[in-house]
Amino acid sequence: MDKKDKILIKIKKSITKEDSEAEIILFGSRARGDNTNISDWDILVLIDNNNTNELEDKFRNNLYEIELETGQIISTIVYSKNYWSNILKYSPLYNNVNKEGIRL
């Protein structure tokens, strides 16, 4: 198992620990494969709950521990599944994630 896979497993575990139903998607340069050693890890988290702030704080606190351990920057975006599929459906971010995203 390579470094990328190990980090992705840690990311997935830390998010599903707080919400086992969360959808987790890697996007950006790490998903496209054109990243550099200093590229961040762009992670989209989609949750059933509309109150994303509390869960977002938990996700970020857990992911911060992974950042400290690995020296890698993890950038997370958290949306409710409803907001993502209805409100953001026509946004550039939505299109990019659907085009290049990798579900974890």
PDB file of N, CA and C in Angstrom:
ATOM      1  N   MET A   1       0.842  -1.176   0.000  1.00  0.00           N
ATOM      2  CA  MET A   1       0.000   0.000   0.000  1.00  0.00           C
ATOM      3  C   MET A   1       0.892   1.246   0.000  1.00  0.00           C
ATOM      4  N   ASP A   2       0.633   2.167  -0.921  1.00  0.00           N
ATOM      5  CA  ASP A   2       1.476   3.356  -1.008  1.00  0.00           C
ATOM      6  C   ASP A   2       0.985   4.456  -0.061  1.00  0.00           C
ATOM      7  N   LYS A   3       1.765   5.528   0.007  1.00  0.00           N
ATOM      8  CA  LYS A   3       1.492   6.633   0.924  1.00  0.00           C
ATOM      9  C   LYS A   3       0.117   7.250   0.668  1.00  0.00           C
ATOM     10  N   LYS A   4      -0.233   7.421  -0.607  1.00  0.00           N
ATOM     11  CA  LYS A   4      -1.524   8.019  -0.958  1.00  0.00           C
ATOM     12  C   LYS A   4      -2.672   7.183  -0.397  1.00  0.00           C
ATOM     13  N   ASP A   5      -2.610   5.874  -0.606  1.00  0.00           N
ATOM     14  CA  ASP A   5      -3.670   4.989  -0.120  1.00  0.00           C
ATOM     15  C   ASP A   5      -3.779   5.032   1.402  1.00  0.00           C
ATOM     16  N   LYS A   6      -2.641   5.059   2.089  1.00  0.00           N
ATOM     17  CA  LYS A   6      -2.648   5.107   3.551  1.00  0.00           C
ATOM     18  C   LYS A   6      -3.312   6.381   4.056  1.00  0.00           C
ATOM     19  N   ILE A   7      -2.993   7.507   3.427  1.00  0.00           N
ATOM     20  CA  ILE A   7      -3.591   8.780   3.844  1.00  0.00           C
ATOM     21  C   ILE A   7      -5.091   8.780   3.566  1.00  0.00           C
ATOM     22  N   LEU A   8      -5.497   8.273   2.412  1.00  0.00           N
ATOM     23  CA  LEU A   8      -6.923   8.240   2.082  1.00  0.00           C
ATOM     24  C   LEU A   8      -7.705   7.346   3.042  1.00  0.00           C
ATOM     25  N   ILE A   9      -7.115   6.245   3.452  1.00  0.00           N
ATOM     26  CA  ILE A   9      -7.769   5.368   4.428  1.00  0.00           C
ATOM     27  C   ILE A   9      -7.933   6.093   5.758  1.00  0.00           C
ATOM     28  N   LYS A  10      -6.905   6.816   6.187  1.00  0.00           N
ATOM     29  CA  LYS A  10      -6.986   7.576   7.440  1.00  0.00           C
ATOM     30  C   LYS A  10      -8.065   8.649   7.351  1.00  0.00           C
ATOM     31  N   ILE A  11      -8.125   9.338   6.210  1.00  0.00           N
ATOM     32  CA  ILE A  11      -9.140  10.380   6.018  1.00  0.00           C
ATOM     33  C   ILE A  11     -10.534   9.768   6.106  1.00  0.00           C
ATOM     34  N   LYS A  12     -10.745   8.683   5.392  1.00  0.00           N
ATOM     35  CA  LYS A  12     -12.064   8.038   5.384  1.00  0.00           C
ATOM     36  C   LYS A  12     -12.453   7.576   6.785  1.00  0.00           C
ATOM     37  N   LYS A  13     -11.539   6.948   7.497  1.00  0.00           N
ATOM     38  CA  LYS A  13     -11.838   6.463   8.847  1.00  0.00           C
ATOM     39  C   LYS A  13     -12.185   7.607   9.787  1.00  0.00           C
ATOM     40  N   SER A  14     -11.453   8.714   9.675  1.00  0.00           N
ATOM     41  CA  SER A  14     -11.701   9.822  10.595  1.00  0.00           C
ATOM     42  C   SER A  14     -13.060  10.472  10.345  1.00  0.00           C
ATOM     43  N   ILE A  15     -13.508  10.472   9.097  1.00  0.00           N
ATOM     44  CA  ILE A  15     -14.815  11.059   8.775  1.00  0.00           C
ATOM     45  C   ILE A  15     -15.942  10.092   9.126  1.00  0.00           C
ATOM     46  N   THR A  16     -15.795   8.828   8.754  1.00  0.00           N
ATOM     47  CA  THR A  16     -16.868   7.865   9.026  1.00  0.00           C
ATOM     48  C   THR A  16     -16.999   7.558  10.519  1.00  0.00           C
ATOM     49  N   LYS A  17     -15.972   7.860  11.290  1.00  0.00           N
ATOM     50  CA  LYS A  17     -16.061   7.726  12.744  1.00  0.00           C
ATOM     51  C   LYS A  17     -17.140   8.665  13.294  1.00  0.00           C
ATOM     52  N   GLU A  18     -17.279   9.826  12.685  1.00  0.00           N
ATOM     53  CA  GLU A  18     -18.267  10.815  13.121  1.00  0.00           C
ATOM     54  C   GLU A  18     -19.608  10.652  12.417  1.00  0.00           C
ATOM     55  N   ASP A  19     -19.591  10.171  11.173  1.00  0.00           N
ATOM     56  CA  ASP A  19     -20.824  10.001  10.394  1.00  0.00           C
ATOM     57  C   ASP A  19     -20.620   8.847   9.419  1.00  0.00           C
ATOM     58  N   SER A  20     -21.147   7.696   9.780  1.00  0.00           N
ATOM     59  CA  SER A  20     -20.925   6.494   8.963  1.00  0.00           C
ATOM     60  C   SER A  20     -21.632   6.560   7.611  1.00  0.00           C
ATOM     61  N   GLU A  21     -22.588   7.467   7.453  1.00  0.00           N
ATOM     62  CA  GLU A  21     -23.326   7.605   6.199  1.00  0.00           C
ATOM     63  C   GLU A  21     -22.750   8.688   5.284  1.00  0.00           C
ATOM     64  N   ALA A  22     -21.702   9.347   5.702  1.00  0.00           N
ATOM     65  CA  ALA A  22     -21.123  10.435   4.908  1.00  0.00           C
ATOM     66  C   ALA A  22     -20.558   9.903   3.593  1.00  0.00           C
ATOM     67  N   GLU A  23     -20.761  10.674   2.536  1.00  0.00           N
ATOM     68  CA  GLU A  23     -20.120  10.385   1.251  1.00  0.00           C
ATOM     69  C   GLU A  23     -18.844  11.215   1.204  1.00  0.00           C
ATOM     70  N   ILE A  24     -17.739  10.577   0.867  1.00  0.00           N
ATOM     71  CA  ILE A  24     -16.433  11.237   0.880  1.00  0.00           C
ATOM     72  C   ILE A  24     -15.851  11.162  -0.519  1.00  0.00           C
ATOM     73  N   ILE A  25     -15.458  12.322  -1.050  1.00  0.00           N
ATOM     74  CA  ILE A  25     -14.962  12.381  -2.421  1.00  0.00           C
ATOM     75  C   ILE A  25     -13.653  13.165  -2.457  1.00  0.00           C
ATOM     76  N   LEU A  26     -12.631  12.544  -3.002  1.00  0.00           N
ATOM     77  CA  LEU A  26     -11.367  13.220  -3.269  1.00  0.00           C
ATOM     78  C   LEU A  26     -11.494  13.903  -4.625  1.00  0.00           C
ATOM     79  N   PHE A  27     -11.103  15.182  -4.693  1.00  0.00           N
ATOM     80  CA  PHE A  27     -11.127  15.878  -5.973  1.00  0.00           C
ATOM     81  C   PHE A  27      -9.894  16.768  -6.075  1.00  0.00           C
ATOM     82  N   GLY A  28      -9.754  17.460  -7.170  1.00  0.00           N
ATOM     83  CA  GLY A  28      -8.602  18.334  -7.355  1.00  0.00           C
ATOM     84  C   GLY A  28      -7.404  17.582  -7.904  1.00  0.00           C
ATOM     85  N   SER A  29      -6.230  18.162  -7.695  1.00  0.00           N
ATOM     86  CA  SER A  29      -5.013  17.617  -8.304  1.00  0.00           C
ATOM     87  C   SER A  29      -4.694  16.198  -7.845  1.00  0.00           C
ATOM     88  N   ARG A  30      -5.008  15.872  -6.597  1.00  0.00           N
ATOM     89  CA  ARG A  30      -4.731  14.507  -6.110  1.00  0.00           C
ATOM     90  C   ARG A  30      -5.609  13.485  -6.820  1.00  0.00           C
ATOM     91  N   ALA A  31      -6.827  13.865  -7.150  1.00  0.00           N
ATOM     92  CA  ALA A  31      -7.721  12.957  -7.884  1.00  0.00           C
ATOM     93  C   ALA A  31      -7.316  12.859  -9.348  1.00  0.00           C
ATOM     94  N   ARG A  32      -6.890  13.980  -9.920  1.00  0.00           N
ATOM     95  CA  ARG A  32      -6.487  13.984 -11.335  1.00  0.00           C
ATOM     96  C   ARG A  32      -5.126  13.330 -11.546  1.00  0.00           C
ATOM     97  N   GLY A  33      -4.308  13.296 -10.496  1.00  0.00           N
ATOM     98  CA  GLY A  33      -2.973  12.721 -10.617  1.00  0.00           C
ATOM     99  C   GLY A  33      -1.925  13.705 -11.081  1.00  0.00           C
ATOM    100  N   ASP A  34      -2.252  15.006 -11.084  1.00  0.00           N
ATOM    101  CA  ASP A  34      -1.258  16.005 -11.494  1.00  0.00           C
ATOM    102  C   ASP A  34      -0.769  16.837 -10.299  1.00  0.00           C
ATOM    103  N   ASN A  35      -0.833  16.234  -9.125  1.00  0.00           N
ATOM    104  CA  ASN A  35      -0.393  16.897  -7.904  1.00  0.00           C
ATOM    105  C   ASN A  35       1.127  16.918  -7.789  1.00  0.00           C
ATOM    106  N   THR A  36       1.605  17.788  -6.908  1.00  0.00           N
ATOM    107  CA  THR A  36       3.013  17.813  -6.526  1.00  0.00           C
ATOM    108  C   THR A  36       3.104  17.319  -5.083  1.00  0.00           C
ATOM    109  N   ASN A  37       4.307  17.244  -4.559  1.00  0.00           N
ATOM    110  CA  ASN A  37       4.489  16.798  -3.172  1.00  0.00           C
ATOM    111  C   ASN A  37       3.832  17.732  -2.168  1.00  0.00           C
ATOM    112  N   ILE A  38       3.679  19.010  -2.542  1.00  0.00           N
ATOM    113  CA  ILE A  38       3.102  19.974  -1.605  1.00  0.00           C
ATOM    114  C   ILE A  38       1.625  20.270  -1.875  1.00  0.00           C
ATOM    115  N   SER A  39       1.019  19.547  -2.795  1.00  0.00           N
ATOM    116  CA  SER A  39      -0.409  19.741  -3.072  1.00  0.00           C
ATOM    117  C   SER A  39      -1.242  19.314  -1.868  1.00  0.00           C
ATOM    118  N   ASP A  40      -2.339  20.043  -1.652  1.00  0.00           N
ATOM    119  CA  ASP A  40      -3.238  19.654  -0.571  1.00  0.00           C
ATOM    120  C   ASP A  40      -4.150  18.522  -1.025  1.00  0.00           C
ATOM    121  N   TRP A  41      -4.883  17.993  -0.085  1.00  0.00           N
ATOM    122  CA  TRP A  41      -5.853  16.927  -0.339  1.00  0.00           C
ATOM    123  C   TRP A  41      -7.227  17.573  -0.283  1.00  0.00           C
ATOM    124  N   ASP A  42      -7.890  17.708  -1.422  1.00  0.00           N
ATOM    125  CA  ASP A  42      -9.216  18.317  -1.483  1.00  0.00           C
ATOM    126  C   ASP A  42     -10.260  17.235  -1.244  1.00  0.00           C
ATOM    127  N   ILE A  43     -11.027  17.407  -0.173  1.00  0.00           N
ATOM    128  CA  ILE A  43     -12.003  16.403   0.230  1.00  0.00           C
ATOM    129  C   ILE A  43     -13.377  17.055   0.351  1.00  0.00           C
ATOM    130  N   LEU A  44     -14.347  16.494  -0.356  1.00  0.00           N
ATOM    131  CA  LEU A  44     -15.740  16.904  -0.226  1.00  0.00           C
ATOM    132  C   LEU A  44     -16.453  15.864   0.626  1.00  0.00           C
ATOM    133  N   VAL A  45     -17.168  16.338   1.640  1.00  0.00           N
ATOM    134  CA  VAL A  45     -17.935  15.447   2.508  1.00  0.00           C
ATOM    135  C   VAL A  45     -19.403  15.832   2.387  1.00  0.00           C
ATOM    136  N   LEU A  46     -20.220  14.868   2.007  1.00  0.00           N
ATOM    137  CA  LEU A  46     -21.662  15.086   1.878  1.00  0.00           C
ATOM    138  C   LEU A  46     -22.369  14.315   2.982  1.00  0.00           C
ATOM    139  N   ILE A  47     -23.198  15.041   3.742  1.00  0.00           N
ATOM    140  CA  ILE A  47     -23.875  14.427   4.883  1.00  0.00           C
ATOM    141  C   ILE A  47     -25.390  14.571   4.744  1.00  0.00           C
ATOM    142  N   ASP A  48     -26.126  13.706   5.424  1.00  0.00           N
ATOM    143  CA  ASP A  48     -27.588  13.760   5.398  1.00  0.00           C
ATOM    144  C   ASP A  48     -28.122  14.950   6.182  1.00  0.00           C
ATOM    145  N   ASN A  49     -27.458  15.287   7.253  1.00  0.00           N
ATOM    146  CA  ASN A  49     -27.881  16.334   8.170  1.00  0.00           C
ATOM    147  C   ASN A  49     -27.721  17.719   7.544  1.00  0.00           C
ATOM    148  N   ASN A  50     -28.691  18.589   7.746  1.00  0.00           N
ATOM    149  CA  ASN A  50     -28.571  19.964   7.259  1.00  0.00           C
ATOM    150  C   ASN A  50     -27.730  20.832   8.178  1.00  0.00           C
ATOM    151  N   ASN A  51     -27.529  20.416   9.420  1.00  0.00           N
ATOM    152  CA  ASN A  51     -26.711  21.175  10.358  1.00  0.00           C
ATOM    153  C   ASN A  51     -25.258  20.737  10.210  1.00  0.00           C
ATOM    154  N   THR A  52     -24.578  21.308   9.233  1.00  0.00           N
ATOM    155  CA  THR A  52     -23.225  20.859   8.911  1.00  0.00           C
ATOM    156  C   THR A  52     -22.158  21.416   9.842  1.00  0.00           C
ATOM    157  N   ASN A  53     -22.425  22.520  10.537  1.00  0.00           N
ATOM    158  CA  ASN A  53     -21.379  23.179  11.323  1.00  0.00           C
ATOM    159  C   ASN A  53     -20.784  22.294  12.409  1.00  0.00           C
ATOM    160  N   GLU A  54     -21.637  21.630  13.169  1.00  0.00           N
ATOM    161  CA  GLU A  54     -21.144  20.787  14.256  1.00  0.00           C
ATOM    162  C   GLU A  54     -20.309  19.626  13.720  1.00  0.00           C
ATOM    163  N   LEU A  55     -20.820  18.944  12.715  1.00  0.00           N
ATOM    164  CA  LEU A  55     -20.064  17.832  12.131  1.00  0.00           C
ATOM    165  C   LEU A  55     -18.799  18.321  11.444  1.00  0.00           C
ATOM    166  N   GLU A  56     -18.892  19.450  10.784  1.00  0.00           N
ATOM    167  CA  GLU A  56     -17.722  20.007  10.105  1.00  0.00           C
ATOM    168  C   GLU A  56     -16.593  20.257  11.095  1.00  0.00           C
ATOM    169  N   ASP A  57     -16.921  20.787  12.269  1.00  0.00           N
ATOM    170  CA  ASP A  57     -15.909  21.004  13.305  1.00  0.00           C
ATOM    171  C   ASP A  57     -15.281  19.686  13.747  1.00  0.00           C
ATOM    172  N   LYS A  58     -16.102  18.663  13.919  1.00  0.00           N
ATOM    173  CA  LYS A  58     -15.576  17.351  14.319  1.00  0.00           C
ATOM    174  C   LYS A  58     -14.672  16.777  13.230  1.00  0.00           C
ATOM    175  N   PHE A  59     -15.124  16.862  11.980  1.00  0.00           N
ATOM    176  CA  PHE A  59     -14.300  16.370  10.871  1.00  0.00           C
ATOM    177  C   PHE A  59     -12.950  17.080  10.857  1.00  0.00           C
ATOM    178  N   ARG A  60     -12.987  18.390  10.924  1.00  0.00           N
ATOM    179  CA  ARG A  60     -11.745  19.175  10.830  1.00  0.00           C
ATOM    180  C   ARG A  60     -10.804  18.891  11.988  1.00  0.00           C
ATOM    181  N   ASN A  61     -11.346  18.733  13.196  1.00  0.00           N
ATOM    182  CA  ASN A  61     -10.495  18.402  14.341  1.00  0.00           C
ATOM    183  C   ASN A  61      -9.817  17.051  14.143  1.00  0.00           C
ATOM    184  N   ASN A  62     -10.574  16.072  13.679  1.00  0.00           N
ATOM    185  CA  ASN A  62      -9.999  14.744  13.433  1.00  0.00           C
ATOM    186  C   ASN A  62      -8.969  14.784  12.304  1.00  0.00           C
ATOM    187  N   LEU A  63      -9.287  15.509  11.240  1.00  0.00           N
ATOM    188  CA  LEU A  63      -8.370  15.589  10.101  1.00  0.00           C
ATOM    189  C   LEU A  63      -7.108  16.367  10.449  1.00  0.00           C
ATOM    190  N   TYR A  64      -7.216  17.303  11.378  1.00  0.00           N
ATOM    191  CA  TYR A  64      -6.040  18.054  11.814  1.00  0.00           C
ATOM    192  C   TYR A  64      -4.995  17.108  12.413  1.00  0.00           C
ATOM    193  N   GLU A  65      -5.450  16.099  13.125  1.00  0.00           N
ATOM    194  CA  GLU A  65      -4.524  15.107  13.686  1.00  0.00           C
ATOM    195  C   GLU A  65      -3.770  14.378  12.573  1.00  0.00           C
ATOM    196  N   ILE A  66      -4.459  14.087  11.477  1.00  0.00           N
ATOM    197  CA  ILE A  66      -3.812  13.438  10.333  1.00  0.00           C
ATOM    198  C   ILE A  66      -2.818  14.397   9.687  1.00  0.00           C
ATOM    199  N   GLU A  67      -3.178  15.668   9.609  1.00  0.00           N
ATOM    200  CA  GLU A  67      -2.256  16.668   9.057  1.00  0.00           C
ATOM    201  C   GLU A  67      -0.968  16.725   9.876  1.00  0.00           C
ATOM    202  N   LEU A  68      -1.111  16.725  11.195  1.00  0.00           N
ATOM    203  CA  LEU A  68       0.072  16.756  12.061  1.00  0.00           C
ATOM    204  C   LEU A  68       0.925  15.502  11.888  1.00  0.00           C
ATOM    205  N   GLU A  69       0.266  14.370  11.785  1.00  0.00           N
ATOM    206  CA  GLU A  69       0.958  13.088  11.656  1.00  0.00           C
ATOM    207  C   GLU A  69       1.688  12.952  10.319  1.00  0.00           C
ATOM    208  N   THR A  70       1.060  13.433   9.242  1.00  0.00           N
ATOM    209  CA  THR A  70       1.595  13.200   7.897  1.00  0.00           C
ATOM    210  C   THR A  70       2.318  14.400   7.290  1.00  0.00           C
ATOM    211  N   GLY A  71       2.077  15.593   7.836  1.00  0.00           N
ATOM    212  CA  GLY A  71       2.651  16.798   7.243  1.00  0.00           C
ATOM    213  C   GLY A  71       1.934  17.231   5.973  1.00  0.00           C
ATOM    214  N   GLN A  72       0.767  16.666   5.720  1.00  0.00           N
ATOM    215  CA  GLN A  72      -0.020  16.973   4.524  1.00  0.00           C
ATOM    216  C   GLN A  72      -1.189  17.885   4.893  1.00  0.00           C
ATOM    217  N   ILE A  73      -1.550  18.793   3.994  1.00  0.00           N
ATOM    218  CA  ILE A  73      -2.683  19.687   4.219  1.00  0.00           C
ATOM    219  C   ILE A  73      -3.940  19.051   3.635  1.00  0.00           C
ATOM    220  N   ILE A  74      -4.992  18.993   4.451  1.00  0.00           N
ATOM    221  CA  ILE A  74      -6.268  18.419   4.023  1.00  0.00           C
ATOM    222  C   ILE A  74      -7.304  19.534   4.027  1.00  0.00           C
ATOM    223  N   SER A  75      -7.818  19.852   2.854  1.00  0.00           N
ATOM    224  CA  SER A  75      -8.831  20.900   2.705  1.00  0.00           C
ATOM    225  C   SER A  75     -10.190  20.239   2.539  1.00  0.00           C
ATOM    226  N   THR A  76     -11.085  20.516   3.479  1.00  0.00           N
ATOM    227  CA  THR A  76     -12.393  19.869   3.436  1.00  0.00           C
ATOM    228  C   THR A  76     -13.506  20.870   3.159  1.00  0.00           C
ATOM    229  N   ILE A  77     -14.485  20.405   2.419  1.00  0.00           N
ATOM    230  CA  ILE A  77     -15.724  21.140   2.193  1.00  0.00           C
ATOM    231  C   ILE A  77     -16.839  20.199   2.622  1.00  0.00           C
ATOM    232  N   VAL A  78     -17.756  20.700   3.441  1.00  0.00           N
ATOM    233  CA  VAL A  78     -18.857  19.874   3.931  1.00  0.00           C
ATOM    234  C   VAL A  78     -20.180  20.513   3.521  1.00  0.00           C
ATOM    235  N   TYR A  79     -21.028  19.720   2.876  1.00  0.00           N
ATOM    236  CA  TYR A  79     -22.367  20.163   2.485  1.00  0.00           C
ATOM    237  C   TYR A  79     -23.361  19.062   2.819  1.00  0.00           C
ATOM    238  N   SER A  80     -24.605  19.464   3.000  1.00  0.00           N
ATOM    239  CA  SER A  80     -25.653  18.447   3.090  1.00  0.00           C
ATOM    240  C   SER A  80     -25.847  17.882   1.685  1.00  0.00           C
ATOM    241  N   LYS A  81     -26.255  16.636   1.624  1.00  0.00           N
ATOM    242  CA  LYS A  81     -26.483  15.995   0.322  1.00  0.00           C
ATOM    243  C   LYS A  81     -27.568  16.732  -0.457  1.00  0.00           C
ATOM    244  N   ASN A  82     -28.579  17.206   0.241  1.00  0.00           N
ATOM    245  CA  ASN A  82     -29.667  17.937  -0.397  1.00  0.00           C
ATOM    246  C   ASN A  82     -29.169  19.246  -1.021  1.00  0.00           C
ATOM    247  N   TYR A  83     -28.385  20.005  -0.267  1.00  0.00           N
ATOM    248  CA  TYR A  83     -27.844  21.275  -0.766  1.00  0.00           C
ATOM    249  C   TYR A  83     -26.940  21.025  -1.979  1.00  0.00           C
ATOM    250  N   TRP A  84     -26.119  19.998  -1.880  1.00  0.00           N
ATOM    251  CA  TRP A  84     -25.190  19.663  -2.961  1.00  0.00           C
ATOM    252  C   TRP A  84     -25.933  19.319  -4.254  1.00  0.00           C
ATOM    253  N   SER A  85     -26.929  18.459  -4.147  1.00  0.00           N
ATOM    254  CA  SER A  85     -27.591  17.971  -5.360  1.00  0.00           C
ATOM    255  C   SER A  85     -28.661  18.916  -5.904  1.00  0.00           C
ATOM    256  N   ASN A  86     -29.111  19.870  -5.102  1.00  0.00           N
ATOM    257  CA  ASN A  86     -30.144  20.789  -5.584  1.00  0.00           C
ATOM    258  C   ASN A  86     -29.637  22.208  -5.814  1.00  0.00           C
ATOM    259  N   ILE A  87     -29.003  22.794  -4.828  1.00  0.00           N
ATOM    260  CA  ILE A  87     -28.566  24.187  -4.919  1.00  0.00           C
ATOM    261  C   ILE A  87     -27.274  24.320  -5.725  1.00  0.00           C
ATOM    262  N   LEU A  88     -26.320  23.447  -5.470  1.00  0.00           N
ATOM    263  CA  LEU A  88     -25.005  23.567  -6.121  1.00  0.00           C
ATOM    264  C   LEU A  88     -24.893  22.792  -7.429  1.00  0.00           C
ATOM    265  N   LYS A  89     -25.970  22.204  -7.856  1.00  0.00           N
ATOM    266  CA  LYS A  89     -25.986  21.321  -9.023  1.00  0.00           C
ATOM    267  C   LYS A  89     -25.372  21.938 -10.282  1.00  0.00           C
ATOM    268  N   TYR A  90     -25.473  23.240 -10.439  1.00  0.00           N
ATOM    269  CA  TYR A  90     -24.976  23.893 -11.652  1.00  0.00           C
ATOM    270  C   TYR A  90     -23.711  24.715 -11.407  1.00  0.00           C
ATOM    271  N   SER A  91     -23.083  24.505 -10.273  1.00  0.00           N
ATOM    272  CA  SER A  91     -21.872  25.265  -9.948  1.00  0.00           C
ATOM    273  C   SER A  91     -20.637  24.627 -10.591  1.00  0.00           C
ATOM    274  N   PRO A  92     -19.592  25.423 -10.811  1.00  0.00           N
ATOM    275  CA  PRO A  92     -18.341  24.857 -11.335  1.00  0.00           C
ATOM    276  C   PRO A  92     -17.761  23.777 -10.418  1.00  0.00           C
ATOM    277  N   LEU A  93     -17.876  23.966  -9.105  1.00  0.00           N
ATOM    278  CA  LEU A  93     -17.363  22.964  -8.173  1.00  0.00           C
ATOM    279  C   LEU A  93     -18.081  21.632  -8.370  1.00  0.00           C
ATOM    280  N   TYR A  94     -19.389  21.666  -8.478  1.00  0.00           N
ATOM    281  CA  TYR A  94     -20.179  20.451  -8.695  1.00  0.00           C
ATOM    282  C   TYR A  94     -19.721  19.744  -9.970  1.00  0.00           C
ATOM    283  N   ASN A  95     -19.565  20.506 -11.032  1.00  0.00           N
ATOM    284  CA  ASN A  95     -19.135  19.920 -12.307  1.00  0.00           C
ATOM    285  C   ASN A  95     -17.745  19.311 -12.210  1.00  0.00           C
ATOM    286  N   ASN A  96     -16.820  20.013 -11.545  1.00  0.00           N
ATOM    287  CA  ASN A  96     -15.459  19.490 -11.397  1.00  0.00           C
ATOM    288  C   ASN A  96     -15.433  18.211 -10.564  1.00  0.00           C
ATOM    289  N   VAL A  97     -16.166  18.209  -9.468  1.00  0.00           N
ATOM    290  CA  VAL A  97     -16.189  17.022  -8.605  1.00  0.00           C
ATOM    291  C   VAL A  97     -16.801  15.839  -9.349  1.00  0.00           C
ATOM    292  N   ASN A  98     -17.881  16.076 -10.074  1.00  0.00           N
ATOM    293  CA  ASN A  98     -18.499  14.976 -10.830  1.00  0.00           C
ATOM    294  C   ASN A  98     -17.598  14.471 -11.943  1.00  0.00           C
ATOM    295  N   LYS A  99     -16.806  15.348 -12.507  1.00  0.00           N
ATOM    296  CA  LYS A  99     -15.915  14.981 -13.616  1.00  0.00           C
ATOM    297  C   LYS A  99     -14.672  14.231 -13.134  1.00  0.00           C
ATOM    298  N   GLU A 100     -14.063  14.713 -12.064  1.00  0.00           N
ATOM    299  CA  GLU A 100     -12.759  14.178 -11.652  1.00  0.00           C
ATOM    300  C   GLU A 100     -12.747  13.498 -10.291  1.00  0.00           C
ATOM    301  N   GLY A 101     -13.838  13.592  -9.548  1.00  0.00           N
ATOM    302  CA  GLY A 101     -13.854  13.103  -8.177  1.00  0.00           C
ATOM    303  C   GLY A 101     -13.714  11.594  -8.061  1.00  0.00           C
ATOM    304  N   ILE A 102     -13.104  11.182  -6.958  1.00  0.00           N
ATOM    305  CA  ILE A 102     -12.946   9.762  -6.636  1.00  0.00           C
ATOM    306  C   ILE A 102     -13.631   9.521  -5.296  1.00  0.00           C
ATOM    307  N   ARG A 103     -14.656   8.679  -5.314  1.00  0.00           N
ATOM    308  CA  ARG A 103     -15.367   8.355  -4.067  1.00  0.00           C
ATOM    309  C   ARG A 103     -14.518   7.419  -3.216  1.00  0.00           C
ATOM    310  N   LEU A 104     -14.451   7.740  -1.937  1.00  0.00           N
ATOM    311  CA  LEU A 104     -13.669   6.916  -1.012  1.00  0.00           C
ATOM    312  C   LEU A 104     -14.583   5.945  -0.287  1.00  0.00           C
TER     313      LEU A 104
END
